[in-house]
Amino acid sequence: MSSQSQRSAQLDSPYIMGYLSVDRQRRYHPDLSQLKYLTSIPKRKIEYNLNHNIENAIKRTSEENEEKLTLLLKFLLDRKNYLKFLHSPEITFVTYRRVLISTMICTQNQDPISIVASLFDNCIYLCSVDAPTISAKASTLTEQFIKINTWGYKLKQFMLSDSPNHKPDSKRPVIENEDFFICYSAHIGRHKLFYAAQTDGMFATHPSDDLEPPATNDFKTNLNYLRKNHYVELKTNKEIHSHRQEQSFKKYKMLRCWCQCYLAGLKGLLVGYRDEDGVIQRVQWFETDDIQRYCGVAWDGQTAIDFLDYFLSYVEKCFKALRTSSPGEFLPKVPVTLKFDIDSFQKITVTKDVYNEYELLPDWFISHITS
């Protein structure tokens, strides 16, 4: 890790390269149908009851890690002629933003993480898998934890609308399966990245005809529309009543939030503070550039960036070493797959021959992406 600590990597400006929507059945759609809009930020005291209609909420039917890269792979097949990195000799890391975030917060978080990587046609596909300790925790999730998770979805319903010139509709049941993703290209250090980021909403606090989405499914028209706007992240948090609670909030939650904003170039973060009963009476807006200043010495963003850069270098070196020592494993159309476990001390352990256990790239993707 000493060589890693001497670096000072930077992420260049993330550039929007695509989008996709996910409906209530978790089906992929190549359109803007699930894009939401933040049309106002309350300045006065509010009272959002996050329990409203909670008994009718349509719960999430699959965990993110269970889906692996399926939605992203469908997008890649749809746009394979547009995405030049799929045909480039330069290595590109392809993943979801959440995988990059989990790596970055290793510098602060004590939970181990596991990431599977598959190399195919000069793209390294990364996907998180549940570490054993995380799986054990998931099996003991309490009813209260599940309710708090639904509260997060309900806040978005209170704050986000289906149109930039209309108010949100908080009366209908929450549908946890629905999502909107924006896909970005970027470089961190010397590494080329392509990643999809679940996006809460577009910043639209000043109604304008320019904010109305195009009445078309033309890919480039919609892409230009997305590129000229800004986006926000929404979070709920328990109301802070003590210095200890505030320090915990800054040290853990705000690091993850900053990573989310940083990787997608978001305008900012809106936090809704709730009481024990799930009622929000105030919200607080954080500009992305102000988050680190607010958190002070609780964490260092550069350390998180540098560790991500270090991890990507380590993954790439492992594949290069395997290519040199075992060229027979690099046959055409056979994804080579490695598993990387990162412990609470940022020590990385690599395991090979795990393709059958962690199949990231199904046959339907491999057969069509090169055709």
Protein backbone atom coordinates (compact mmCIF):
# COMPACT_ATOMS: atom_id res chain seq x y z
CA MET A 1 0.00 0.00 0.00
CA SER A 2 2.97 2.33 0.30
CA SER A 3 3.08 2.91 -3.45
CA GLN A 4 -0.64 3.65 -3.41
CA SER A 5 -0.25 6.32 -0.74
CA GLN A 6 2.27 8.21 -2.88
CA ARG A 7 -0.23 8.74 -5.68
CA SER A 8 -2.67 11.57 -6.16
CA ALA A 9 -5.19 10.35 -8.72
CA GLN A 10 -8.01 12.48 -10.08
CA LEU A 11 -11.29 11.73 -11.82
CA ASP A 12 -11.82 13.74 -14.96
CA SER A 13 -15.26 15.20 -15.61
CA PRO A 14 -17.74 12.31 -15.99
CA TYR A 15 -19.35 12.50 -19.44
CA ILE A 16 -22.87 11.22 -20.06
CA MET A 17 -22.87 8.41 -22.62
CA GLY A 18 -26.28 6.84 -22.18
CA TYR A 19 -29.34 6.16 -20.06
CA LEU A 20 -31.85 3.45 -19.25
CA SER A 21 -35.08 3.03 -17.30
CA VAL A 22 -36.26 0.10 -15.18
CA ASP A 23 -39.97 -0.54 -14.69
CA ARG A 24 -41.95 -2.06 -11.83
CA GLN A 25 -41.12 -5.59 -13.03
CA ARG A 26 -37.38 -4.69 -13.17
CA ARG A 27 -37.50 -4.76 -16.97
CA TYR A 28 -35.05 -2.73 -19.03
CA HIS A 29 -36.26 0.14 -21.25
CA PRO A 30 -34.01 2.29 -23.50
CA ASP A 31 -35.87 5.53 -22.71
CA LEU A 32 -36.37 8.38 -20.21
CA SER A 33 -39.61 6.99 -18.75
CA GLN A 34 -38.27 6.78 -15.17
CA LEU A 35 -36.46 10.13 -15.09
CA LYS A 36 -37.67 12.25 -12.13
CA TYR A 37 -37.31 15.95 -11.32
CA LEU A 38 -36.52 17.97 -8.19
CA THR A 39 -38.77 20.98 -8.71
CA SER A 40 -38.37 22.69 -5.33
CA ILE A 41 -36.37 22.64 -2.10
CA PRO A 42 -38.51 23.48 0.97
CA LYS A 43 -37.25 26.50 2.92
CA ARG A 44 -39.77 26.30 5.78
CA LYS A 45 -40.74 23.59 8.25
CA ILE A 46 -42.38 20.62 6.56
CA GLU A 47 -44.10 17.45 7.67
CA TYR A 48 -43.58 14.51 5.34
CA ASN A 49 -44.96 11.31 6.88
CA LEU A 50 -42.89 8.59 5.27
CA ASN A 51 -45.35 5.97 6.50
CA HIS A 52 -48.11 7.24 4.22
CA ASN A 53 -49.50 4.32 2.19
CA ILE A 54 -46.47 2.25 3.21
CA GLU A 55 -48.60 -0.87 3.59
CA ASN A 56 -49.28 -0.78 -0.17
CA ALA A 57 -45.66 -0.23 -1.23
CA ILE A 58 -44.48 -2.50 -4.03
CA LYS A 59 -41.31 -3.95 -2.57
CA ARG A 60 -38.05 -4.56 -4.38
CA THR A 61 -38.12 -8.04 -5.90
CA SER A 62 -34.38 -8.54 -6.37
CA GLU A 63 -31.19 -7.44 -4.70
CA GLU A 64 -28.62 -5.46 -6.71
CA ASN A 65 -26.00 -8.17 -6.42
CA GLU A 66 -28.49 -10.83 -7.55
CA GLU A 67 -29.07 -8.94 -10.81
CA LYS A 68 -25.34 -8.73 -11.42
CA LEU A 69 -24.74 -6.67 -14.57
CA THR A 70 -27.85 -7.72 -16.48
CA LEU A 71 -29.41 -4.28 -17.01
CA LEU A 72 -26.11 -2.69 -17.98
CA LEU A 73 -25.31 -5.50 -20.42
CA LYS A 74 -28.65 -4.99 -22.16
CA PHE A 75 -27.80 -1.32 -22.58
CA LEU A 76 -24.38 -2.20 -24.02
CA LEU A 77 -25.97 -4.51 -26.59
CA ASP A 78 -28.45 -1.80 -27.55
CA ARG A 79 -25.72 0.78 -28.12
CA LYS A 80 -22.74 -1.38 -29.11
CA ASN A 81 -22.23 0.49 -32.39
CA TYR A 82 -22.20 3.82 -30.57
CA LEU A 83 -19.85 2.86 -27.72
CA LYS A 84 -16.38 2.88 -29.22
CA PHE A 85 -14.64 1.47 -26.14
CA LEU A 86 -16.25 -1.92 -26.85
CA HIS A 87 -14.04 -2.17 -29.93
CA SER A 88 -10.93 -0.47 -28.55
CA PRO A 89 -7.55 -2.08 -27.76
CA GLU A 90 -7.42 0.06 -24.60
CA ILE A 91 -8.59 -1.57 -21.37
CA THR A 92 -11.89 -0.18 -20.06
CA PHE A 93 -13.48 -1.00 -16.71
CA VAL A 94 -17.24 -1.52 -17.07
CA THR A 95 -19.41 -1.53 -13.95
CA TYR A 96 -22.00 0.23 -11.82
CA ARG A 97 -21.13 3.31 -9.80
CA ARG A 98 -22.04 1.46 -6.59
CA VAL A 99 -19.12 -0.94 -7.15
CA LEU A 100 -16.70 1.97 -7.41
CA ILE A 101 -18.22 3.53 -4.29
CA SER A 102 -17.88 0.34 -2.23
CA THR A 103 -14.18 0.29 -3.14
CA MET A 104 -13.66 3.95 -2.27
CA ILE A 105 -15.27 3.73 1.16
CA CYS A 106 -13.07 0.77 2.10
CA THR A 107 -10.72 3.43 3.43
CA GLN A 108 -13.27 4.25 6.14
CA ASN A 109 -15.65 1.28 6.35
CA GLN A 110 -14.70 -1.79 8.38
CA ASP A 111 -16.88 -4.22 6.41
CA PRO A 112 -15.04 -6.48 3.93
CA ILE A 113 -16.20 -6.46 0.30
CA SER A 114 -15.92 -8.91 -2.60
CA ILE A 115 -15.74 -7.93 -6.27
CA VAL A 116 -15.73 -10.28 -9.25
CA ALA A 117 -13.97 -9.19 -12.45
CA SER A 118 -14.35 -10.73 -15.91
CA LEU A 119 -12.02 -9.81 -18.77
CA PHE A 120 -13.52 -9.99 -22.26
CA ASP A 121 -12.40 -8.16 -25.41
CA ASN A 122 -10.28 -5.60 -23.53
CA CYS A 123 -13.10 -4.74 -21.14
CA ILE A 124 -12.90 -5.68 -17.47
CA TYR A 125 -16.42 -6.07 -16.09
CA LEU A 126 -16.70 -5.51 -12.32
CA CYS A 127 -19.55 -6.65 -10.09
CA SER A 128 -19.96 -6.74 -6.31
CA VAL A 129 -20.89 -10.00 -4.65
CA ASP A 130 -21.90 -10.47 -1.05
CA ALA A 131 -19.05 -11.21 1.33
CA PRO A 132 -19.88 -13.99 3.86
CA THR A 133 -20.24 -11.55 6.75
CA ILE A 134 -22.57 -9.35 4.71
CA SER A 135 -24.71 -12.34 3.74
CA ALA A 136 -25.03 -13.27 7.41
CA LYS A 137 -26.14 -9.75 8.29
CA ALA A 138 -28.70 -9.71 5.47
CA SER A 139 -30.36 -12.84 6.81
CA THR A 140 -31.06 -11.08 10.11
CA LEU A 141 -32.50 -7.81 8.75
CA THR A 142 -35.13 -6.49 11.11
CA GLU A 143 -38.58 -5.26 10.19
CA GLN A 144 -37.50 -1.77 11.29
CA PHE A 145 -34.52 -1.82 8.92
CA ILE A 146 -36.78 -2.80 6.02
CA LYS A 147 -39.18 0.00 6.94
CA ILE A 148 -36.34 2.55 7.05
CA ASN A 149 -35.28 1.44 3.58
CA THR A 150 -38.81 2.06 2.29
CA TRP A 151 -38.78 5.49 3.95
CA GLY A 152 -35.90 6.42 1.65
CA TYR A 153 -38.03 5.64 -1.39
CA LYS A 154 -40.95 7.58 0.09
CA LEU A 155 -38.85 10.73 0.56
CA LYS A 156 -38.03 10.64 -3.14
CA GLN A 157 -41.74 10.42 -3.89
CA PHE A 158 -42.40 13.49 -1.73
CA MET A 159 -39.60 15.45 -3.40
CA LEU A 160 -39.48 14.28 -7.02
CA SER A 161 -42.04 14.70 -9.78
CA ASP A 162 -42.66 12.93 -13.09
CA SER A 163 -42.47 16.22 -14.97
CA PRO A 164 -40.27 19.32 -14.47
CA ASN A 165 -43.33 21.59 -14.46
CA HIS A 166 -45.57 19.61 -12.09
CA LYS A 167 -45.62 18.92 -8.37
CA PRO A 168 -44.71 15.53 -6.88
CA ASP A 169 -47.48 13.01 -6.18
CA SER A 170 -46.90 11.50 -2.73
CA LYS A 171 -50.29 9.79 -2.41
CA ARG A 172 -49.69 6.74 -4.56
CA PRO A 173 -47.83 3.69 -3.24
CA VAL A 174 -44.06 3.58 -3.59
CA ILE A 175 -42.74 1.26 -6.31
CA GLU A 176 -39.24 0.23 -5.19
CA ASN A 177 -38.43 -1.65 -8.41
CA GLU A 178 -38.45 1.45 -10.60
CA ASP A 179 -35.11 3.11 -11.40
CA PHE A 180 -33.40 5.48 -13.78
CA PHE A 181 -29.72 5.13 -14.67
CA ILE A 182 -27.32 7.50 -16.40
CA CYS A 183 -24.20 5.97 -17.96
CA TYR A 184 -20.89 7.83 -17.75
CA SER A 185 -17.43 7.59 -19.22
CA ALA A 186 -14.48 8.94 -17.25
CA HIS A 187 -10.82 8.43 -16.43
CA ILE A 188 -9.37 7.99 -12.96
CA GLY A 189 -5.61 8.21 -13.10
CA ARG A 190 -4.72 6.31 -16.26
CA HIS A 191 -7.76 4.01 -16.05
CA LYS A 192 -10.67 4.33 -18.44
CA LEU A 193 -14.10 3.79 -16.85
CA PHE A 194 -17.61 3.22 -18.12
CA TYR A 195 -20.27 2.96 -15.42
CA ALA A 196 -24.01 3.25 -14.86
CA ALA A 197 -25.27 5.31 -11.92
CA GLN A 198 -28.76 5.05 -10.44
CA THR A 199 -29.95 8.66 -10.58
CA ASP A 200 -32.52 10.10 -8.19
CA GLY A 201 -33.54 13.20 -10.09
CA MET A 202 -32.79 16.11 -12.39
CA PHE A 203 -32.32 19.55 -10.82
CA ALA A 204 -35.35 21.57 -12.01
CA THR A 205 -36.10 24.17 -9.34
CA HIS A 206 -36.63 26.90 -11.96
CA PRO A 207 -39.45 25.79 -14.30
CA SER A 208 -38.61 26.31 -17.94
CA ASP A 209 -39.63 24.96 -21.32
CA ASP A 210 -36.00 23.87 -21.74
CA LEU A 211 -36.45 21.38 -18.90
CA GLU A 212 -39.23 19.46 -20.61
CA PRO A 213 -37.88 16.14 -21.94
CA PRO A 214 -37.91 15.62 -25.71
CA ALA A 215 -41.05 13.98 -27.07
CA THR A 216 -38.98 11.32 -28.79
CA ASN A 217 -37.07 8.14 -28.13
CA ASP A 218 -34.23 9.22 -30.40
CA PHE A 219 -31.09 8.27 -28.51
CA LYS A 220 -28.89 11.23 -29.44
CA THR A 221 -31.66 13.79 -28.91
CA ASN A 222 -32.29 12.48 -25.40
CA LEU A 223 -28.56 12.28 -24.73
CA ASN A 224 -28.09 15.95 -25.59
CA TYR A 225 -31.01 16.81 -23.28
CA LEU A 226 -29.44 14.93 -20.37
CA ARG A 227 -26.01 16.46 -20.97
CA LYS A 228 -27.21 20.04 -20.60
CA ASN A 229 -28.84 19.48 -17.20
CA HIS A 230 -27.74 18.74 -13.62
CA TYR A 231 -28.65 15.92 -11.21
CA VAL A 232 -29.12 15.41 -7.48
CA GLU A 233 -28.95 12.72 -4.82
CA LEU A 234 -31.58 12.36 -2.06
CA LYS A 235 -31.04 10.70 1.32
CA THR A 236 -32.90 10.26 4.58
CA ASN A 237 -31.16 10.40 7.93
CA LYS A 238 -32.22 10.23 11.54
CA GLU A 239 -32.50 13.69 13.07
CA ILE A 240 -29.22 14.73 14.69
CA HIS A 241 -29.45 15.64 18.38
CA SER A 242 -25.87 15.28 19.61
CA HIS A 243 -22.27 15.91 18.63
CA ARG A 244 -21.66 12.15 18.54
CA GLN A 245 -24.52 11.61 16.09
CA GLU A 246 -23.25 14.42 13.90
CA GLN A 247 -19.73 12.98 13.82
CA SER A 248 -21.07 9.56 12.87
CA PHE A 249 -23.17 11.13 10.13
CA LYS A 250 -20.16 12.96 8.73
CA LYS A 251 -17.75 10.04 9.04
CA TYR A 252 -19.82 7.30 7.42
CA LYS A 253 -22.92 8.44 5.59
CA MET A 254 -21.50 11.60 4.08
CA LEU A 255 -18.44 9.84 2.69
CA ARG A 256 -20.69 7.52 0.68
CA CYS A 257 -22.84 10.46 -0.39
CA TRP A 258 -19.82 12.44 -1.52
CA CYS A 259 -18.57 9.47 -3.56
CA GLN A 260 -21.97 9.21 -5.24
CA CYS A 261 -21.96 12.90 -6.12
CA TYR A 262 -18.31 13.00 -7.13
CA LEU A 263 -18.43 10.04 -9.51
CA ALA A 264 -21.48 11.38 -11.36
CA GLY A 265 -20.62 15.08 -11.24
CA LEU A 266 -23.87 15.79 -9.39
CA LYS A 267 -24.95 19.29 -8.46
CA GLY A 268 -25.59 18.34 -4.87
CA LEU A 269 -27.22 16.30 -2.14
CA LEU A 270 -30.56 16.81 -0.38
CA VAL A 271 -30.89 15.22 3.07
CA GLY A 272 -34.25 14.80 4.76
CA TYR A 273 -33.99 14.46 8.55
CA ARG A 274 -36.61 12.14 10.08
CA ASP A 275 -37.72 11.40 13.62
CA GLU A 276 -38.15 7.95 15.16
CA ASP A 277 -41.64 7.66 13.65
CA GLY A 278 -40.54 8.40 10.08
CA VAL A 279 -41.71 12.02 9.88
CA ILE A 280 -39.46 14.55 8.13
CA GLN A 281 -39.69 18.16 9.30
CA ARG A 282 -36.66 19.64 7.61
CA VAL A 283 -34.33 19.11 4.66
CA GLN A 284 -30.79 20.34 4.12
CA TRP A 285 -29.12 21.02 0.79
CA PHE A 286 -25.39 20.35 0.29
CA GLU A 287 -23.55 21.48 -2.81
CA THR A 288 -21.20 18.68 -3.86
CA ASP A 289 -18.17 20.93 -3.50
CA ASP A 290 -19.20 21.82 0.08
CA ILE A 291 -19.57 18.27 1.43
CA GLN A 292 -15.87 17.75 2.21
CA ARG A 293 -15.63 21.13 3.94
CA TYR A 294 -18.68 20.33 6.05
CA CYS A 295 -17.20 16.98 7.13
CA GLY A 296 -13.80 18.47 8.02
CA VAL A 297 -11.27 15.82 9.07
CA ALA A 298 -13.83 12.99 9.32
CA TRP A 299 -12.45 11.55 6.07
CA ASP A 300 -10.27 12.49 3.14
CA GLY A 301 -11.74 12.27 -0.34
CA GLN A 302 -8.33 12.03 -1.98
CA THR A 303 -7.55 8.89 0.03
CA ALA A 304 -10.74 7.29 -1.28
CA ILE A 305 -9.90 8.25 -4.88
CA ASP A 306 -6.36 6.96 -4.56
CA PHE A 307 -7.50 3.61 -3.20
CA LEU A 308 -9.91 3.15 -6.11
CA ASP A 309 -7.06 3.94 -8.51
CA TYR A 310 -4.83 1.47 -6.65
CA PHE A 311 -7.48 -1.27 -6.78
CA LEU A 312 -8.07 -0.83 -10.53
CA SER A 313 -4.31 -1.03 -11.13
CA TYR A 314 -4.14 -4.19 -9.03
CA VAL A 315 -6.97 -5.83 -10.98
CA GLU A 316 -5.38 -4.96 -14.32
CA LYS A 317 -1.97 -6.27 -13.19
CA CYS A 318 -3.53 -9.58 -12.11
CA PHE A 319 -5.05 -10.10 -15.55
CA LYS A 320 -1.79 -9.17 -17.27
CA ALA A 321 0.13 -11.61 -15.06
CA LEU A 322 -2.37 -14.35 -15.86
CA ARG A 323 -2.13 -13.59 -19.57
CA THR A 324 1.64 -14.02 -19.36
CA SER A 325 1.74 -17.11 -17.15
CA SER A 326 -1.33 -18.92 -18.55
CA PRO A 327 -1.94 -17.81 -22.16
CA GLY A 328 -4.20 -20.81 -22.70
CA GLU A 329 -6.79 -19.19 -20.43
CA PHE A 330 -7.17 -16.27 -22.83
CA LEU A 331 -8.93 -18.12 -25.62
CA PRO A 332 -11.34 -16.04 -27.75
CA LYS A 333 -14.84 -15.60 -26.33
CA VAL A 334 -13.93 -17.15 -22.97
CA PRO A 335 -14.20 -14.52 -20.24
CA VAL A 336 -11.42 -14.90 -17.70
CA THR A 337 -12.81 -14.28 -14.23
CA LEU A 338 -11.11 -13.40 -10.94
CA LYS A 339 -12.52 -12.66 -7.51
CA PHE A 340 -11.04 -9.92 -5.31
CA ASP A 341 -11.70 -9.78 -1.58
CA ILE A 342 -10.82 -6.58 0.29
CA ASP A 343 -10.64 -6.87 4.08
CA SER A 344 -11.04 -4.19 6.74
CA PHE A 345 -7.33 -3.29 6.44
CA GLN A 346 -7.59 -2.79 2.64
CA LYS A 347 -5.64 -6.00 2.03
CA ILE A 348 -6.64 -7.53 -1.30
CA THR A 349 -6.82 -11.30 -1.89
CA VAL A 350 -7.37 -12.66 -5.40
CA THR A 351 -8.93 -16.00 -6.38
CA LYS A 352 -8.88 -17.48 -9.90
CA ASP A 353 -11.03 -20.10 -11.65
CA VAL A 354 -14.34 -18.68 -10.39
CA TYR A 355 -16.19 -18.19 -13.71
CA ASN A 356 -18.66 -21.03 -13.14
CA GLU A 357 -19.47 -19.74 -9.66
CA TYR A 358 -19.76 -16.08 -10.69
CA GLU A 359 -20.94 -15.87 -14.29
CA LEU A 360 -21.02 -12.15 -15.01
CA LEU A 361 -21.25 -12.34 -18.80
CA PRO A 362 -24.00 -14.73 -19.95
CA ASP A 363 -23.95 -16.43 -23.35
CA TRP A 364 -26.64 -14.10 -24.75
CA PHE A 365 -24.31 -11.16 -24.18
CA ILE A 366 -21.09 -12.77 -25.41
CA SER A 367 -22.65 -14.09 -28.60
CA HIS A 368 -24.22 -10.76 -29.58
CA ILE A 369 -21.68 -8.16 -28.42
CA THR A 370 -19.10 -9.32 -30.98
CA SER A 371 -21.49 -10.09 -33.83
